[in-house]
Amino acid sequence: MKHLSISYLLLFLFTTGVFSATVDTVNVFSNKMNKNIKTVVVKPQSYGREPSFPVLYLLHGYSDRYDGWVKKVPHIQALSDLYEMIIVCPDGAFGSWYLDSPVDSAFQYETFVSEELISWVDRNYTTIPSREGRAITGLSMGGHGGLYLAFRNQDVFGACGSMSGGVDIRPFPDNWDLAKRLGTQRDYPKRWEENTALGLLHLLTPNALKIIMDCGTEDFFYEVNENLHQELLYRNIPHDYITRPGAHNWQYWDNAVKYQMLFFHEFFRNEKSK
């Protein structure tokens, strides 16, 4: 019943017009890349009335940009209101995969998101500036980023997720600019192993991170998500895993983000009560 209530609450917020989250579009300077990076920040209606707020970093996919989420799934503003959390959507460029490229200095997005952006957000907004107040997730390339960045930066993020994520890049050596970021898999297999979520499970210990994954059964990333799920089970790493009919599209992500934000809300609430 808790999950079913999400749609009713969102419908109530939209039909009554009581939600009033604000959307800021800001420039965040990256010292690592020597450039400004566009970022959307969604603030809940209660912003300013509470001492501090948890933050969800919400990443876009391969061919999208910083404002993709607020334009294509505008109800994330209502979810920001409902769960009283700040949502931050940075620009991840075209095919960054949210990693620090060893071959292209213009693509240093692990450092940007996990260090520079977080530091900027904590300075400019009233946040909970600790891993207990931070979560990260995204779709497709951003789903890879959500897990990859959290697995590698567990001192920064307390919870992470993936929606239709490319959680193992190795089966796709010729796709989505991956070879431009890492070099070819044939020549640099170790790089591909070290820069894919499925290759980082040795960094995890049970209950160190709260993890949620979601992928449609008709998605071309379904098999790699299944593989990651099975590996997490084998390693006794607790996680939530959701599958249902659906493909790699906004219709699926429009629905998936509701469950992910509920998951992160419960994480934040539990951490606050400790």
C-alpha atoms as a PDB file:
ATOM      1  CA  MET A   1       0.000   0.000   0.000  1.00  0.00           C
ATOM      2  CA  LYS A   2       2.899   2.341   0.687  1.00  0.00           C
ATOM      3  CA  HIS A   3       4.135   2.044  -2.909  1.00  0.00           C
ATOM      4  CA  LEU A   4       0.648   2.384  -4.380  1.00  0.00           C
ATOM      5  CA  SER A   5       0.117   5.593  -2.439  1.00  0.00           C
ATOM      6  CA  ILE A   6       2.874   7.413  -4.336  1.00  0.00           C
ATOM      7  CA  SER A   7       0.744   7.939  -7.449  1.00  0.00           C
ATOM      8  CA  TYR A   8      -2.197   9.167  -5.391  1.00  0.00           C
ATOM      9  CA  LEU A   9      -0.016  11.644  -3.517  1.00  0.00           C
ATOM     10  CA  LEU A  10       1.493  12.952  -6.740  1.00  0.00           C
ATOM     11  CA  LEU A  11      -1.963  13.265  -8.294  1.00  0.00           C
ATOM     12  CA  PHE A  12      -3.126  15.220  -5.253  1.00  0.00           C
ATOM     13  CA  LEU A  13      -0.133  17.563  -5.434  1.00  0.00           C
ATOM     14  CA  PHE A  14      -0.654  18.268  -9.135  1.00  0.00           C
ATOM     15  CA  THR A  15      -4.430  18.695  -9.050  1.00  0.00           C
ATOM     16  CA  THR A  16      -4.413  20.948  -5.994  1.00  0.00           C
ATOM     17  CA  GLY A  17      -1.359  22.895  -7.051  1.00  0.00           C
ATOM     18  CA  VAL A  18       0.066  22.768  -3.525  1.00  0.00           C
ATOM     19  CA  PHE A  19       3.585  21.824  -4.544  1.00  0.00           C
ATOM     20  CA  SER A  20       5.965  24.695  -5.128  1.00  0.00           C
ATOM     21  CA  ALA A  21       9.442  23.290  -5.529  1.00  0.00           C
ATOM     22  CA  THR A  22      11.786  25.753  -7.186  1.00  0.00           C
ATOM     23  CA  VAL A  23      14.248  24.933  -9.949  1.00  0.00           C
ATOM     24  CA  ASP A  24      17.590  26.716 -10.090  1.00  0.00           C
ATOM     25  CA  THR A  25      19.884  26.437 -13.114  1.00  0.00           C
ATOM     26  CA  VAL A  26      23.421  27.201 -12.023  1.00  0.00           C
ATOM     27  CA  ASN A  27      26.986  27.098 -13.294  1.00  0.00           C
ATOM     28  CA  VAL A  28      29.405  25.048 -11.212  1.00  0.00           C
ATOM     29  CA  PHE A  29      33.066  25.577 -11.987  1.00  0.00           C
ATOM     30  CA  SER A  30      35.287  22.523 -12.294  1.00  0.00           C
ATOM     31  CA  ASN A  31      38.920  23.186 -11.474  1.00  0.00           C
ATOM     32  CA  LYS A  32      39.788  19.734 -12.765  1.00  0.00           C
ATOM     33  CA  MET A  33      38.366  20.485 -16.224  1.00  0.00           C
ATOM     34  CA  ASN A  34      38.725  24.296 -16.119  1.00  0.00           C
ATOM     35  CA  LYS A  35      35.147  24.989 -17.195  1.00  0.00           C
ATOM     36  CA  ASN A  36      31.671  25.793 -15.934  1.00  0.00           C
ATOM     37  CA  ILE A  37      29.187  22.932 -15.892  1.00  0.00           C
ATOM     38  CA  LYS A  38      25.440  23.547 -16.055  1.00  0.00           C
ATOM     39  CA  THR A  39      23.512  21.986 -13.185  1.00  0.00           C
ATOM     40  CA  VAL A  40      19.858  21.954 -12.157  1.00  0.00           C
ATOM     41  CA  VAL A  41      19.018  22.172  -8.446  1.00  0.00           C
ATOM     42  CA  VAL A  42      15.455  21.430  -7.318  1.00  0.00           C
ATOM     43  CA  LYS A  43      14.574  22.805  -3.879  1.00  0.00           C
ATOM     44  CA  PRO A  44      11.468  21.601  -2.012  1.00  0.00           C
ATOM     45  CA  GLN A  45       8.785  24.035  -0.929  1.00  0.00           C
ATOM     46  CA  SER A  46       9.919  23.638   2.680  1.00  0.00           C
ATOM     47  CA  TYR A  47      13.416  24.880   1.834  1.00  0.00           C
ATOM     48  CA  GLY A  48      14.326  27.652   4.249  1.00  0.00           C
ATOM     49  CA  ARG A  49      12.010  26.392   6.959  1.00  0.00           C
ATOM     50  CA  GLU A  50      14.219  23.485   8.024  1.00  0.00           C
ATOM     51  CA  PRO A  51      17.849  23.633   9.206  1.00  0.00           C
ATOM     52  CA  SER A  52      19.162  21.248   6.544  1.00  0.00           C
ATOM     53  CA  PHE A  53      18.079  18.926   3.747  1.00  0.00           C
ATOM     54  CA  PRO A  54      19.283  15.630   2.276  1.00  0.00           C
ATOM     55  CA  VAL A  55      20.424  15.686  -1.334  1.00  0.00           C
ATOM     56  CA  LEU A  56      19.775  13.272  -4.180  1.00  0.00           C
ATOM     57  CA  TYR A  57      22.187  13.512  -7.104  1.00  0.00           C
ATOM     58  CA  LEU A  58      20.199  12.446 -10.168  1.00  0.00           C
ATOM     59  CA  LEU A  59      22.231  11.673 -13.299  1.00  0.00           C
ATOM     60  CA  HIS A  60      21.134  11.759 -16.938  1.00  0.00           C
ATOM     61  CA  GLY A  61      21.842   9.281 -19.720  1.00  0.00           C
ATOM     62  CA  TYR A  62      24.244   9.149 -22.655  1.00  0.00           C
ATOM     63  CA  SER A  63      22.634  11.566 -25.111  1.00  0.00           C
ATOM     64  CA  ASP A  64      20.898  13.869 -22.625  1.00  0.00           C
ATOM     65  CA  ARG A  65      21.919  16.830 -20.503  1.00  0.00           C
ATOM     66  CA  TYR A  66      21.478  18.532 -17.125  1.00  0.00           C
ATOM     67  CA  ASP A  67      17.826  19.566 -17.638  1.00  0.00           C
ATOM     68  CA  GLY A  68      16.636  16.251 -19.057  1.00  0.00           C
ATOM     69  CA  TRP A  69      15.041  15.043 -15.847  1.00  0.00           C
ATOM     70  CA  VAL A  70      13.102  18.232 -15.021  1.00  0.00           C
ATOM     71  CA  LYS A  71      11.845  18.582 -18.596  1.00  0.00           C
ATOM     72  CA  LYS A  72      10.874  14.964 -19.250  1.00  0.00           C
ATOM     73  CA  VAL A  73       9.820  13.940 -15.735  1.00  0.00           C
ATOM     74  CA  PRO A  74       8.595  17.205 -14.184  1.00  0.00           C
ATOM     75  CA  HIS A  75       6.915  15.391 -11.301  1.00  0.00           C
ATOM     76  CA  ILE A  76      10.336  15.052  -9.654  1.00  0.00           C
ATOM     77  CA  GLN A  77       9.527  18.555  -8.366  1.00  0.00           C
ATOM     78  CA  ALA A  78       6.490  17.155  -6.575  1.00  0.00           C
ATOM     79  CA  LEU A  79       8.626  14.311  -5.247  1.00  0.00           C
ATOM     80  CA  SER A  80      11.125  16.857  -3.960  1.00  0.00           C
ATOM     81  CA  ASP A  81       8.259  18.494  -2.071  1.00  0.00           C
ATOM     82  CA  LEU A  82       6.797  15.232  -0.868  1.00  0.00           C
ATOM     83  CA  TYR A  83      10.048  13.857   0.518  1.00  0.00           C
ATOM     84  CA  GLU A  84      11.649  17.215   1.429  1.00  0.00           C
ATOM     85  CA  MET A  85      14.906  16.598  -0.378  1.00  0.00           C
ATOM     86  CA  ILE A  86      17.058  18.650  -2.712  1.00  0.00           C
ATOM     87  CA  ILE A  87      17.615  17.104  -6.165  1.00  0.00           C
ATOM     88  CA  VAL A  88      20.787  17.962  -8.088  1.00  0.00           C
ATOM     89  CA  CYS A  89      21.102  17.141 -11.801  1.00  0.00           C
ATOM     90  CA  PRO A  90      24.554  17.915 -13.209  1.00  0.00           C
ATOM     91  CA  ASP A  91      25.526  17.889 -16.848  1.00  0.00           C
ATOM     92  CA  GLY A  92      27.487  14.712 -17.526  1.00  0.00           C
ATOM     93  CA  ALA A  93      28.415  15.659 -21.087  1.00  0.00           C
ATOM     94  CA  PHE A  94      27.967  13.415 -24.108  1.00  0.00           C
ATOM     95  CA  GLY A  95      29.276  10.027 -23.084  1.00  0.00           C
ATOM     96  CA  SER A  96      31.320  10.845 -19.983  1.00  0.00           C
ATOM     97  CA  TRP A  97      30.119   7.726 -18.160  1.00  0.00           C
ATOM     98  CA  TYR A  98      30.814   9.784 -15.015  1.00  0.00           C
ATOM     99  CA  LEU A  99      34.395   8.584 -14.785  1.00  0.00           C
ATOM    100  CA  ASP A 100      37.778  10.271 -14.900  1.00  0.00           C
ATOM    101  CA  SER A 101      39.020   9.444 -18.363  1.00  0.00           C
ATOM    102  CA  PRO A 102      42.675   8.339 -18.431  1.00  0.00           C
ATOM    103  CA  VAL A 103      42.932   9.426 -22.080  1.00  0.00           C
ATOM    104  CA  ASP A 104      40.924  12.670 -22.274  1.00  0.00           C
ATOM    105  CA  SER A 105      41.476  15.481 -19.772  1.00  0.00           C
ATOM    106  CA  ALA A 106      38.185  17.094 -20.858  1.00  0.00           C
ATOM    107  CA  PHE A 107      36.260  14.210 -19.247  1.00  0.00           C
ATOM    108  CA  GLN A 108      36.983  14.107 -15.524  1.00  0.00           C
ATOM    109  CA  TYR A 109      33.484  13.587 -14.222  1.00  0.00           C
ATOM    110  CA  GLU A 110      34.139  11.353 -11.218  1.00  0.00           C
ATOM    111  CA  THR A 111      36.158  14.165  -9.659  1.00  0.00           C
ATOM    112  CA  PHE A 112      33.564  16.725 -10.691  1.00  0.00           C
ATOM    113  CA  VAL A 113      30.509  14.937  -9.274  1.00  0.00           C
ATOM    114  CA  SER A 114      31.984  13.277  -6.195  1.00  0.00           C
ATOM    115  CA  GLU A 115      34.209  16.182  -5.107  1.00  0.00           C
ATOM    116  CA  GLU A 116      33.728  19.530  -6.828  1.00  0.00           C
ATOM    117  CA  LEU A 117      29.956  19.502  -7.282  1.00  0.00           C
ATOM    118  CA  ILE A 118      29.240  18.184  -3.798  1.00  0.00           C
ATOM    119  CA  SER A 119      31.512  20.770  -2.233  1.00  0.00           C
ATOM    120  CA  TRP A 120      29.772  23.534  -4.223  1.00  0.00           C
ATOM    121  CA  VAL A 121      26.273  22.323  -3.300  1.00  0.00           C
ATOM    122  CA  ASP A 122      27.154  22.043   0.390  1.00  0.00           C
ATOM    123  CA  ARG A 123      28.549  25.602   0.358  1.00  0.00           C
ATOM    124  CA  ASN A 124      25.589  27.151  -1.442  1.00  0.00           C
ATOM    125  CA  TYR A 125      22.590  25.250  -0.029  1.00  0.00           C
ATOM    126  CA  THR A 126      21.532  24.150   3.425  1.00  0.00           C
ATOM    127  CA  THR A 127      22.354  20.471   3.103  1.00  0.00           C
ATOM    128  CA  ILE A 128      23.221  17.585   5.385  1.00  0.00           C
ATOM    129  CA  PRO A 129      26.939  17.595   4.490  1.00  0.00           C
ATOM    130  CA  SER A 130      27.705  13.940   5.118  1.00  0.00           C
ATOM    131  CA  ARG A 131      27.171  10.543   3.506  1.00  0.00           C
ATOM    132  CA  GLU A 132      24.089  10.095   5.700  1.00  0.00           C
ATOM    133  CA  GLY A 133      22.466  12.949   3.794  1.00  0.00           C
ATOM    134  CA  ARG A 134      23.567  12.045   0.258  1.00  0.00           C
ATOM    135  CA  ALA A 135      22.329   9.575  -2.337  1.00  0.00           C
ATOM    136  CA  ILE A 136      23.066   9.182  -6.031  1.00  0.00           C
ATOM    137  CA  THR A 137      21.242   7.473  -8.889  1.00  0.00           C
ATOM    138  CA  GLY A 138      20.502   7.899 -12.575  1.00  0.00           C
ATOM    139  CA  LEU A 139      19.299   6.293 -15.769  1.00  0.00           C
ATOM    140  CA  SER A 140      21.264   4.328 -18.374  1.00  0.00           C
ATOM    141  CA  MET A 141      24.764   5.890 -18.440  1.00  0.00           C
ATOM    142  CA  GLY A 142      23.665   7.706 -15.289  1.00  0.00           C
ATOM    143  CA  GLY A 143      22.633   4.398 -13.749  1.00  0.00           C
ATOM    144  CA  HIS A 144      26.179   3.217 -14.248  1.00  0.00           C
ATOM    145  CA  GLY A 145      27.334   6.501 -12.730  1.00  0.00           C
ATOM    146  CA  GLY A 146      25.099   6.151  -9.694  1.00  0.00           C
ATOM    147  CA  LEU A 147      26.591   2.796  -8.702  1.00  0.00           C
ATOM    148  CA  TYR A 148      30.122   3.431  -9.969  1.00  0.00           C
ATOM    149  CA  LEU A 149      30.542   6.699  -8.087  1.00  0.00           C
ATOM    150  CA  ALA A 150      29.016   5.377  -4.865  1.00  0.00           C
ATOM    151  CA  PHE A 151      31.011   2.136  -4.900  1.00  0.00           C
ATOM    152  CA  ARG A 152      34.230   4.135  -5.334  1.00  0.00           C
ATOM    153  CA  ASN A 153      33.282   6.957  -2.932  1.00  0.00           C
ATOM    154  CA  GLN A 154      31.565   5.332   0.012  1.00  0.00           C
ATOM    155  CA  ASP A 155      32.756   8.100   2.303  1.00  0.00           C
ATOM    156  CA  VAL A 156      30.704  10.541   0.203  1.00  0.00           C
ATOM    157  CA  PHE A 157      27.455   8.665  -0.562  1.00  0.00           C
ATOM    158  CA  GLY A 158      25.410   6.569   1.835  1.00  0.00           C
ATOM    159  CA  ALA A 159      22.923   5.249  -0.721  1.00  0.00           C
ATOM    160  CA  CYS A 160      22.916   4.679  -4.458  1.00  0.00           C
ATOM    161  CA  GLY A 161      20.776   3.426  -7.289  1.00  0.00           C
ATOM    162  CA  SER A 162      20.482   2.639 -10.956  1.00  0.00           C
ATOM    163  CA  MET A 163      17.596   2.754 -13.430  1.00  0.00           C
ATOM    164  CA  SER A 164      18.152   0.736 -16.622  1.00  0.00           C
ATOM    165  CA  GLY A 165      21.840   1.149 -15.906  1.00  0.00           C
ATOM    166  CA  GLY A 166      24.756   0.121 -18.086  1.00  0.00           C
ATOM    167  CA  VAL A 167      26.183  -1.559 -14.999  1.00  0.00           C
ATOM    168  CA  ASP A 168      28.691  -3.625 -16.983  1.00  0.00           C
ATOM    169  CA  ILE A 169      30.311  -1.830 -19.896  1.00  0.00           C
ATOM    170  CA  ARG A 170      32.470  -4.734 -21.032  1.00  0.00           C
ATOM    171  CA  PRO A 171      29.898  -6.369 -23.354  1.00  0.00           C
ATOM    172  CA  PHE A 172      29.711  -3.107 -25.330  1.00  0.00           C
ATOM    173  CA  PRO A 173      33.275  -2.356 -26.538  1.00  0.00           C
ATOM    174  CA  ASP A 174      32.155  -0.376 -29.600  1.00  0.00           C
ATOM    175  CA  ASN A 175      29.248   1.576 -28.123  1.00  0.00           C
ATOM    176  CA  TRP A 176      28.516   4.982 -26.607  1.00  0.00           C
ATOM    177  CA  ASP A 177      32.008   6.535 -26.819  1.00  0.00           C
ATOM    178  CA  LEU A 178      33.389   4.152 -24.210  1.00  0.00           C
ATOM    179  CA  ALA A 179      36.573   3.509 -26.184  1.00  0.00           C
ATOM    180  CA  LYS A 180      37.097   7.278 -26.449  1.00  0.00           C
ATOM    181  CA  ARG A 181      37.083   7.541 -22.656  1.00  0.00           C
ATOM    182  CA  LEU A 182      39.096   4.422 -21.799  1.00  0.00           C
ATOM    183  CA  GLY A 183      40.976   3.357 -24.908  1.00  0.00           C
ATOM    184  CA  THR A 184      39.945   0.158 -26.657  1.00  0.00           C
ATOM    185  CA  GLN A 185      39.020  -2.811 -24.518  1.00  0.00           C
ATOM    186  CA  ARG A 186      41.395  -4.974 -26.541  1.00  0.00           C
ATOM    187  CA  ASP A 187      44.357  -2.757 -25.653  1.00  0.00           C
ATOM    188  CA  TYR A 188      43.313  -1.747 -22.115  1.00  0.00           C
ATOM    189  CA  PRO A 189      41.234  -4.571 -20.588  1.00  0.00           C
ATOM    190  CA  LYS A 190      42.247  -3.631 -17.035  1.00  0.00           C
ATOM    191  CA  ARG A 191      40.811  -0.126 -17.480  1.00  0.00           C
ATOM    192  CA  TRP A 192      37.493  -1.580 -18.577  1.00  0.00           C
ATOM    193  CA  GLU A 193      37.470  -3.904 -15.572  1.00  0.00           C
ATOM    194  CA  GLU A 194      38.261  -1.114 -13.132  1.00  0.00           C
ATOM    195  CA  ASN A 195      35.726   1.323 -14.575  1.00  0.00           C
ATOM    196  CA  THR A 196      32.590  -0.770 -14.607  1.00  0.00           C
ATOM    197  CA  ALA A 197      30.220  -1.203 -11.667  1.00  0.00           C
ATOM    198  CA  LEU A 198      30.304  -4.996 -11.939  1.00  0.00           C
ATOM    199  CA  GLY A 199      34.087  -4.897 -11.626  1.00  0.00           C
ATOM    200  CA  LEU A 200      34.000  -2.999  -8.335  1.00  0.00           C
ATOM    201  CA  LEU A 201      32.135  -5.409  -6.093  1.00  0.00           C
ATOM    202  CA  HIS A 202      35.297  -6.179  -4.136  1.00  0.00           C
ATOM    203  CA  LEU A 203      34.939  -2.676  -2.670  1.00  0.00           C
ATOM    204  CA  LEU A 204      31.612  -3.520  -1.043  1.00  0.00           C
ATOM    205  CA  THR A 205      30.884  -4.966   2.366  1.00  0.00           C
ATOM    206  CA  PRO A 206      27.413  -5.982   3.570  1.00  0.00           C
ATOM    207  CA  ASN A 207      25.238  -3.012   4.580  1.00  0.00           C
ATOM    208  CA  ALA A 208      27.948  -0.407   3.941  1.00  0.00           C
ATOM    209  CA  LEU A 209      25.776   1.143   1.197  1.00  0.00           C
ATOM    210  CA  LYS A 210      22.048   1.136   0.611  1.00  0.00           C
ATOM    211  CA  ILE A 211      21.568  -0.032  -2.985  1.00  0.00           C
ATOM    212  CA  ILE A 212      18.566  -0.096  -5.317  1.00  0.00           C
ATOM    213  CA  MET A 213      18.496  -1.286  -8.936  1.00  0.00           C
ATOM    214  CA  ASP A 214      15.609  -1.196 -11.417  1.00  0.00           C
ATOM    215  CA  CYS A 215      15.513  -2.493 -14.997  1.00  0.00           C
ATOM    216  CA  GLY A 216      12.818  -3.466 -17.491  1.00  0.00           C
ATOM    217  CA  THR A 217      12.713  -6.991 -18.877  1.00  0.00           C
ATOM    218  CA  GLU A 218      12.784  -5.719 -22.478  1.00  0.00           C
ATOM    219  CA  ASP A 219      15.774  -3.448 -21.869  1.00  0.00           C
ATOM    220  CA  PHE A 220      19.050  -4.164 -23.674  1.00  0.00           C
ATOM    221  CA  PHE A 221      20.766  -3.712 -20.287  1.00  0.00           C
ATOM    222  CA  TYR A 222      18.533  -6.287 -18.606  1.00  0.00           C
ATOM    223  CA  GLU A 223      21.090  -9.107 -18.755  1.00  0.00           C
ATOM    224  CA  VAL A 224      23.902  -7.079 -17.199  1.00  0.00           C
ATOM    225  CA  ASN A 225      21.537  -5.977 -14.427  1.00  0.00           C
ATOM    226  CA  GLU A 226      20.573  -9.582 -13.798  1.00  0.00           C
ATOM    227  CA  ASN A 227      24.252 -10.507 -13.648  1.00  0.00           C
ATOM    228  CA  LEU A 228      24.966  -7.751 -11.138  1.00  0.00           C
ATOM    229  CA  HIS A 229      21.992  -8.816  -9.035  1.00  0.00           C
ATOM    230  CA  GLN A 230      23.233 -12.412  -8.921  1.00  0.00           C
ATOM    231  CA  GLU A 231      26.774 -11.327  -8.026  1.00  0.00           C
ATOM    232  CA  LEU A 232      25.479  -9.155  -5.192  1.00  0.00           C
ATOM    233  CA  LEU A 233      23.463 -12.096  -3.887  1.00  0.00           C
ATOM    234  CA  TYR A 234      26.523 -14.349  -4.105  1.00  0.00           C
ATOM    235  CA  ARG A 235      28.552 -11.822  -2.105  1.00  0.00           C
ATOM    236  CA  ASN A 236      25.772 -11.359   0.490  1.00  0.00           C
ATOM    237  CA  ILE A 237      25.408  -7.660  -0.331  1.00  0.00           C
ATOM    238  CA  PRO A 238      21.850  -6.571   0.565  1.00  0.00           C
ATOM    239  CA  HIS A 239      20.100  -4.590  -2.152  1.00  0.00           C
ATOM    240  CA  ASP A 240      16.669  -3.870  -3.594  1.00  0.00           C
ATOM    241  CA  TYR A 241      16.193  -5.155  -7.126  1.00  0.00           C
ATOM    242  CA  ILE A 242      13.108  -4.332  -9.212  1.00  0.00           C
ATOM    243  CA  THR A 243      12.220  -5.757 -12.612  1.00  0.00           C
ATOM    244  CA  ARG A 244       8.979  -5.424 -14.551  1.00  0.00           C
ATOM    245  CA  PRO A 245       7.906  -5.268 -18.191  1.00  0.00           C
ATOM    246  CA  GLY A 246       9.444  -2.251 -19.849  1.00  0.00           C
ATOM    247  CA  ALA A 247      12.060  -1.001 -22.263  1.00  0.00           C
ATOM    248  CA  HIS A 248      14.825   1.609 -22.307  1.00  0.00           C
ATOM    249  CA  ASN A 249      12.626   4.704 -22.435  1.00  0.00           C
ATOM    250  CA  TRP A 250      11.197   7.637 -20.492  1.00  0.00           C
ATOM    251  CA  GLN A 251       7.938   5.863 -19.825  1.00  0.00           C
ATOM    252  CA  TYR A 252       9.882   3.359 -17.752  1.00  0.00           C
ATOM    253  CA  TRP A 253      12.056   5.947 -15.970  1.00  0.00           C
ATOM    254  CA  ASP A 254       9.060   8.167 -15.205  1.00  0.00           C
ATOM    255  CA  ASN A 255       7.758   5.284 -13.105  1.00  0.00           C
ATOM    256  CA  ALA A 256      11.064   3.998 -11.759  1.00  0.00           C
ATOM    257  CA  VAL A 257      12.136   7.284 -10.194  1.00  0.00           C
ATOM    258  CA  LYS A 258       9.085   7.241  -7.889  1.00  0.00           C
ATOM    259  CA  TYR A 259      10.248   4.036  -6.224  1.00  0.00           C
ATOM    260  CA  GLN A 260      13.854   5.121  -6.095  1.00  0.00           C
ATOM    261  CA  MET A 261      12.999   8.377  -4.357  1.00  0.00           C
ATOM    262  CA  LEU A 262      10.847   6.539  -1.823  1.00  0.00           C
ATOM    263  CA  PHE A 263      13.813   4.225  -1.169  1.00  0.00           C
ATOM    264  CA  PHE A 264      16.157   7.175  -0.620  1.00  0.00           C
ATOM    265  CA  HIS A 265      13.616   9.015   1.519  1.00  0.00           C
ATOM    266  CA  GLU A 266      13.454   6.021   3.841  1.00  0.00           C
ATOM    267  CA  PHE A 267      17.257   5.870   3.948  1.00  0.00           C
ATOM    268  CA  PHE A 268      17.461   9.555   4.893  1.00  0.00           C
ATOM    269  CA  ARG A 269      14.712   9.218   7.483  1.00  0.00           C
ATOM    270  CA  ASN A 270      16.342   6.200   9.109  1.00  0.00           C
ATOM    271  CA  GLU A 271      19.714   7.921   9.241  1.00  0.00           C
ATOM    272  CA  LYS A 272      18.159  11.014  10.792  1.00  0.00           C
ATOM    273  CA  SER A 273      16.490   8.950  13.517  1.00  0.00           C
ATOM    274  CA  LYS A 274      19.732   7.277  14.651  1.00  0.00           C
END
